[in-house]
Every structure is written in structure tokens, then in C-alpha cells.
PDB file of N, CA and C in Angstrom:
ATOM      1  N   MET A   1       0.703  -1.132  -0.161  1.00  0.00           N
ATOM      2  CA  MET A   1       0.059  -0.020  -0.391  1.00  0.00           C
ATOM      3  C   MET A   1       0.587   1.183  -0.110  1.00  0.00           C
ATOM      4  N   ALA A   2       0.661   1.892   1.502  1.00  0.00           N
ATOM      5  CA  ALA A   2       1.852   3.303   1.494  1.00  0.00           C
ATOM      6  C   ALA A   2       3.422   2.420   0.923  1.00  0.00           C
ATOM      7  N   ASN A   3       3.764   1.545   1.101  1.00  0.00           N
ATOM      8  CA  ASN A   3       5.015   0.987   0.618  1.00  0.00           C
ATOM      9  C   ASN A   3       5.205   1.348  -0.391  1.00  0.00           C
ATOM     10  N   ASP A   4       4.547   1.788  -1.743  1.00  0.00           N
ATOM     11  CA  ASP A   4       5.017   1.868  -2.761  1.00  0.00           C
ATOM     12  C   ASP A   4       5.571   3.055  -2.724  1.00  0.00           C
ATOM     13  N   LEU A   5       5.349   4.110  -2.371  1.00  0.00           N
ATOM     14  CA  LEU A   5       6.004   5.354  -2.040  1.00  0.00           C
ATOM     15  C   LEU A   5       7.130   5.910  -1.861  1.00  0.00           C
ATOM     16  N   ASP A   6       7.442   6.243  -2.343  1.00  0.00           N
ATOM     17  CA  ASP A   6       9.654   7.054  -1.629  1.00  0.00           C
ATOM     18  C   ASP A   6       9.353   7.451  -0.410  1.00  0.00           C
ATOM     19  N   PRO A   7      10.237   6.680   0.596  1.00  0.00           N
ATOM     20  CA  PRO A   7      10.280   6.384   1.670  1.00  0.00           C
ATOM     21  C   PRO A   7      10.340   8.181   2.295  1.00  0.00           C
ATOM     22  N   LYS A   8      10.728   8.600   2.038  1.00  0.00           N
ATOM     23  CA  LYS A   8      11.220  10.393   2.140  1.00  0.00           C
ATOM     24  C   LYS A   8      10.138  11.029   1.822  1.00  0.00           C
ATOM     25  N   ARG A   9       9.085  10.615   0.776  1.00  0.00           N
ATOM     26  CA  ARG A   9       8.034  11.036   0.300  1.00  0.00           C
ATOM     27  C   ARG A   9       6.526  10.720   1.694  1.00  0.00           C
ATOM     28  N   ARG A  10       6.636   9.764   1.842  1.00  0.00           N
ATOM     29  CA  ARG A  10       5.932   8.623   3.093  1.00  0.00           C
ATOM     30  C   ARG A  10       6.353   9.082   4.008  1.00  0.00           C
ATOM     31  N   HIS A  11       7.367   9.307   4.511  1.00  0.00           N
ATOM     32  CA  HIS A  11       7.458  10.298   5.857  1.00  0.00           C
ATOM     33  C   HIS A  11       6.993  11.489   5.920  1.00  0.00           C
ATOM     34  N   GLU A  12       7.354  12.458   5.106  1.00  0.00           N
ATOM     35  CA  GLU A  12       6.851  13.662   5.121  1.00  0.00           C
ATOM     36  C   GLU A  12       5.533  13.664   4.871  1.00  0.00           C
ATOM     37  N   LEU A  13       4.495  12.814   3.941  1.00  0.00           N
ATOM     38  CA  LEU A  13       3.217  12.961   4.650  1.00  0.00           C
ATOM     39  C   LEU A  13       2.593  12.412   5.673  1.00  0.00           C
ATOM     40  N   ALA A  14       3.369  11.436   6.621  1.00  0.00           N
ATOM     41  CA  ALA A  14       2.975  11.244   7.608  1.00  0.00           C
ATOM     42  C   ALA A  14       3.059  12.587   8.723  1.00  0.00           C
ATOM     43  N   VAL A  15       4.267  13.028   8.387  1.00  0.00           N
ATOM     44  CA  VAL A  15       4.527  14.093   9.372  1.00  0.00           C
ATOM     45  C   VAL A  15       3.304  15.177   8.854  1.00  0.00           C
ATOM     46  N   GLU A  16       3.023  15.541   7.793  1.00  0.00           N
ATOM     47  CA  GLU A  16       2.196  16.588   7.683  1.00  0.00           C
ATOM     48  C   GLU A  16       0.522  16.121   8.548  1.00  0.00           C
ATOM     49  N   GLY A  17       0.503  14.986   8.402  1.00  0.00           N
ATOM     50  CA  GLY A  17      -0.957  14.073   9.266  1.00  0.00           C
ATOM     51  C   GLY A  17      -0.867  14.275  10.154  1.00  0.00           C
ATOM     52  N   ALA A  18       0.250  14.562  11.101  1.00  0.00           N
ATOM     53  CA  ALA A  18       0.335  14.257  12.712  1.00  0.00           C
ATOM     54  C   ALA A  18       0.386  15.462  12.853  1.00  0.00           C
ATOM     55  N   ASN A  19       1.144  16.315  12.157  1.00  0.00           N
ATOM     56  CA  ASN A  19       0.767  17.875  12.464  1.00  0.00           C
ATOM     57  C   ASN A  19      -0.286  19.006  12.194  1.00  0.00           C
ATOM     58  N   VAL A  20      -1.131  17.938  11.470  1.00  0.00           N
ATOM     59  CA  VAL A  20      -2.777  18.713  11.018  1.00  0.00           C
ATOM     60  C   VAL A  20      -3.696  17.929  12.250  1.00  0.00           C
ATOM     61  N   ARG A  21      -3.020  17.044  13.163  1.00  0.00           N
ATOM     62  CA  ARG A  21      -3.943  16.509  13.813  1.00  0.00           C
ATOM     63  C   ARG A  21      -3.007  17.057  15.213  1.00  0.00           C
ATOM     64  N   ALA A  22      -2.187  17.514  15.386  1.00  0.00           N
ATOM     65  CA  ALA A  22      -1.742  18.178  16.263  1.00  0.00           C
ATOM     66  C   ALA A  22      -2.198  19.707  16.414  1.00  0.00           C
ATOM     67  N   SER A  23      -2.787  20.371  15.650  1.00  0.00           N
ATOM     68  CA  SER A  23      -3.126  21.381  15.317  1.00  0.00           C
ATOM     69  C   SER A  23      -4.898  21.538  15.814  1.00  0.00           C
ATOM     70  N   GLY A  24      -5.405  20.308  15.919  1.00  0.00           N
ATOM     71  CA  GLY A  24      -6.730  20.301  16.397  1.00  0.00           C
ATOM     72  C   GLY A  24      -7.551  20.218  14.961  1.00  0.00           C
ATOM     73  N   ARG A  25      -7.180  20.065  13.810  1.00  0.00           N
ATOM     74  CA  ARG A  25      -8.432  19.806  12.618  1.00  0.00           C
ATOM     75  C   ARG A  25      -8.257  18.242  12.529  1.00  0.00           C
ATOM     76  N   PRO A  26      -9.540  17.848  11.644  1.00  0.00           N
ATOM     77  CA  PRO A  26     -10.217  16.987  12.218  1.00  0.00           C
ATOM     78  C   PRO A  26      -9.345  16.034  10.485  1.00  0.00           C
ATOM     79  N   LYS A  27      -9.584  14.457  10.880  1.00  0.00           N
ATOM     80  CA  LYS A  27      -9.426  13.969   9.737  1.00  0.00           C
ATOM     81  C   LYS A  27      -9.571  14.094   8.358  1.00  0.00           C
ATOM     82  N   ASP A  28     -10.563  14.471   8.149  1.00  0.00           N
ATOM     83  CA  ASP A  28     -11.302  15.044   6.969  1.00  0.00           C
ATOM     84  C   ASP A  28     -10.877  16.360   5.890  1.00  0.00           C
ATOM     85  N   ALA A  29      -9.556  16.752   7.041  1.00  0.00           N
ATOM     86  CA  ALA A  29      -9.048  17.965   6.115  1.00  0.00           C
ATOM     87  C   ALA A  29      -7.697  16.964   5.468  1.00  0.00           C
ATOM     88  N   CYS A  30      -7.551  15.854   5.303  1.00  0.00           N
ATOM     89  CA  CYS A  30      -6.412  15.413   4.322  1.00  0.00           C
ATOM     90  C   CYS A  30      -7.245  16.124   3.151  1.00  0.00           C
ATOM     91  N   PRO A  31      -5.648  16.946   2.349  1.00  0.00           N
ATOM     92  CA  PRO A  31      -6.002  17.144   1.011  1.00  0.00           C
ATOM     93  C   PRO A  31      -5.730  16.267  -0.098  1.00  0.00           C
ATOM     94  N   TYR A  32      -5.379  14.879  -0.056  1.00  0.00           N
ATOM     95  CA  TYR A  32      -5.024  14.116  -0.819  1.00  0.00           C
ATOM     96  C   TYR A  32      -6.610  13.160  -1.143  1.00  0.00           C
ATOM     97  N   PRO A  33      -6.561  12.569  -2.507  1.00  0.00           N
ATOM     98  CA  PRO A  33      -7.349  11.619  -2.946  1.00  0.00           C
ATOM     99  C   PRO A  33      -8.049  10.693  -2.625  1.00  0.00           C
ATOM    100  N   LEU A  34      -9.130  10.392  -2.072  1.00  0.00           N
ATOM    101  CA  LEU A  34      -9.411   8.861  -1.642  1.00  0.00           C
ATOM    102  C   LEU A  34      -8.776   7.790  -1.759  1.00  0.00           C
ATOM    103  N   GLU A  35      -8.458   6.691  -1.218  1.00  0.00           N
ATOM    104  CA  GLU A  35      -7.598   5.426  -1.447  1.00  0.00           C
ATOM    105  C   GLU A  35      -6.582   5.954  -2.715  1.00  0.00           C
ATOM    106  N   SER A  36      -5.925   7.178  -2.430  1.00  0.00           N
ATOM    107  CA  SER A  36      -4.137   7.514  -3.110  1.00  0.00           C
ATOM    108  C   SER A  36      -3.210   6.979  -1.906  1.00  0.00           C
ATOM    109  N   LEU A  37      -2.408   6.582  -2.160  1.00  0.00           N
ATOM    110  CA  LEU A  37      -1.157   6.193  -1.230  1.00  0.00           C
ATOM    111  C   LEU A  37      -0.813   7.593  -0.575  1.00  0.00           C
ATOM    112  N   GLU A  38      -1.412   8.831  -1.263  1.00  0.00           N
ATOM    113  CA  GLU A  38      -0.538   9.651  -0.115  1.00  0.00           C
ATOM    114  C   GLU A  38      -1.718   9.840   1.016  1.00  0.00           C
ATOM    115  N   ARG A  39      -2.994   9.853   0.655  1.00  0.00           N
ATOM    116  CA  ARG A  39      -3.576   9.620   1.289  1.00  0.00           C
ATOM    117  C   ARG A  39      -3.729   8.579   2.606  1.00  0.00           C
ATOM    118  N   ILE A  40      -3.234   7.326   2.601  1.00  0.00           N
ATOM    119  CA  ILE A  40      -3.025   6.235   3.223  1.00  0.00           C
ATOM    120  C   ILE A  40      -1.847   6.498   4.060  1.00  0.00           C
ATOM    121  N   ALA A  41      -0.252   7.457   3.261  1.00  0.00           N
ATOM    122  CA  ALA A  41       0.309   7.977   4.382  1.00  0.00           C
ATOM    123  C   ALA A  41       0.004   9.178   5.391  1.00  0.00           C
ATOM    124  N   TRP A  42      -1.038   9.964   5.093  1.00  0.00           N
ATOM    125  CA  TRP A  42      -1.399  10.951   5.734  1.00  0.00           C
ATOM    126  C   TRP A  42      -1.812  10.654   6.636  1.00  0.00           C
ATOM    127  N   VAL A  43      -2.768   9.639   6.770  1.00  0.00           N
ATOM    128  CA  VAL A  43      -4.048   9.105   7.494  1.00  0.00           C
ATOM    129  C   VAL A  43      -2.698   8.371   8.509  1.00  0.00           C
ATOM    130  N   GLU A  44      -1.793   7.587   7.815  1.00  0.00           N
ATOM    131  CA  GLU A  44      -1.554   6.668   9.293  1.00  0.00           C
ATOM    132  C   GLU A  44      -0.342   8.044   9.905  1.00  0.00           C
ATOM    133  N   GLY A  45      -0.138   8.906   9.283  1.00  0.00           N
ATOM    134  CA  GLY A  45       0.379   9.806  10.364  1.00  0.00           C
ATOM    135  C   GLY A  45      -0.586  10.654  11.000  1.00  0.00           C
ATOM    136  N   PHE A  46      -1.588  10.956  11.030  1.00  0.00           N
ATOM    137  CA  PHE A  46      -2.607  11.702  11.774  1.00  0.00           C
ATOM    138  C   PHE A  46      -3.171  10.757  12.719  1.00  0.00           C
ATOM    139  N   ASP A  47      -3.152   9.265  12.559  1.00  0.00           N
ATOM    140  CA  ASP A  47      -3.619   8.005  13.139  1.00  0.00           C
ATOM    141  C   ASP A  47      -2.465   7.597  14.198  1.00  0.00           C
ATOM    142  N   GLY A  48      -0.972   7.591  13.467  1.00  0.00           N
ATOM    143  CA  GLY A  48       0.261   7.831  14.720  1.00  0.00           C
ATOM    144  C   GLY A  48       0.506   6.263  14.455  1.00  0.00           C
ATOM    145  N   GLU A  49      -0.210   5.455  13.581  1.00  0.00           N
ATOM    146  CA  GLU A  49      -0.053   3.738  13.401  1.00  0.00           C
ATOM    147  C   GLU A  49      -0.224   3.553  12.090  1.00  0.00           C
ATOM    148  N   PRO A  50       0.111   3.118  11.171  1.00  0.00           N
ATOM    149  CA  PRO A  50      -0.117   1.933  10.029  1.00  0.00           C
ATOM    150  C   PRO A  50      -1.328   1.402   9.934  1.00  0.00           C
ATOM    151  N   ILE A  51      -1.653   1.955   8.799  1.00  0.00           N
ATOM    152  CA  ILE A  51      -3.351   1.339   8.446  1.00  0.00           C
ATOM    153  C   ILE A  51      -3.109  -0.203   8.304  1.00  0.00           C
ATOM    154  N   ASP A  52      -1.961  -0.716   7.782  1.00  0.00           N
ATOM    155  CA  ASP A  52      -2.682  -2.250   7.697  1.00  0.00           C
ATOM    156  C   ASP A  52      -2.064  -3.137   8.604  1.00  0.00           C
ATOM    157  N   GLN A  53      -1.549  -1.964  10.044  1.00  0.00           N
ATOM    158  CA  GLN A  53      -1.215  -3.463  10.844  1.00  0.00           C
ATOM    159  C   GLN A  53      -2.270  -2.849  12.174  1.00  0.00           C
ATOM    160  N   GLY A  54      -2.788  -4.217  12.541  1.00  0.00           N
ATOM    161  CA  GLY A  54      -3.380  -4.023  13.798  1.00  0.00           C
ATOM    162  C   GLY A  54      -3.270  -3.343  14.757  1.00  0.00           C
ATOM    163  N   PRO A  55      -3.907  -3.142  16.273  1.00  0.00           N
ATOM    164  CA  PRO A  55      -3.111  -2.595  17.391  1.00  0.00           C
ATOM    165  C   PRO A  55      -2.501  -3.880  17.880  1.00  0.00           C
ATOM    166  N   ASP A  56      -1.572  -2.991  19.035  1.00  0.00           N
ATOM    167  CA  ASP A  56      -0.862  -4.145  19.676  1.00  0.00           C
ATOM    168  C   ASP A  56      -1.430  -4.458  20.847  1.00  0.00           C
ATOM    169  N   LEU A  57      -1.531  -5.864  21.196  1.00  0.00           N
ATOM    170  CA  LEU A  57      -2.221  -6.457  22.354  1.00  0.00           C
ATOM    171  C   LEU A  57      -1.448  -6.445  23.389  1.00  0.00           C
ATOM    172  N   PRO A  58      -2.406  -6.409  24.317  1.00  0.00           N
ATOM    173  CA  PRO A  58      -1.437  -6.473  25.531  1.00  0.00           C
ATOM    174  C   PRO A  58      -0.392  -7.682  26.255  1.00  0.00           C
ATOM    175  N   ILE A  59       0.310  -7.163  26.896  1.00  0.00           N
ATOM    176  CA  ILE A  59       1.446  -8.086  27.168  1.00  0.00           C
ATOM    177  C   ILE A  59       1.012  -8.784  28.086  1.00  0.00           C
ATOM    178  N   ASP A  60       1.147 -10.562  27.992  1.00  0.00           N
ATOM    179  CA  ASP A  60       0.804 -11.499  29.179  1.00  0.00           C
ATOM    180  C   ASP A  60       1.787 -10.915  30.066  1.00  0.00           C
ATOM    181  N   GLN A  61       1.022 -10.713  31.578  1.00  0.00           N
ATOM    182  CA  GLN A  61       1.412 -11.219  32.702  1.00  0.00           C
ATOM    183  C   GLN A  61       1.915 -12.225  33.590  1.00  0.00           C
ATOM    184  N   THR A  62       1.658 -13.196  33.345  1.00  0.00           N
ATOM    185  CA  THR A  62       1.679 -14.737  33.915  1.00  0.00           C
ATOM    186  C   THR A  62       2.821 -15.027  33.248  1.00  0.00           C
TER     187      THR A  62
END
């Protein structure tokens, strides 16, 4: 998915998405087309995690 982008560009888009979130703007402020690689990378930055990776499970304490 977003791995097809140049790594530098992917990082730039993720930072852009994170900055938008930090400024208090909503996720729908993303300027990139739906289902584009740019949007996927931007949303990953906004959410703070890769889209294709599920949440981390709790560490078993037993």
C-alpha cells in the first residue's frame, strides 16, 4: 500500500498528517484523493500507526 511511495515522501506525508492532528483539525482535512497512496500515508501520520497493522495486544503478565 503506502510502501509503494518513496520513503522520504511517505515520511513527509506522515509528518504532515501528524501536524494537522496536533493543530486540532479533523481527519477529513486531508487534501489527498480517497484511496490514494498519499492519503494512506497522511492518515497513518494522523492516526499515529500504519493502516495495515492491527493494534498491539496487551503483554501477558503471567
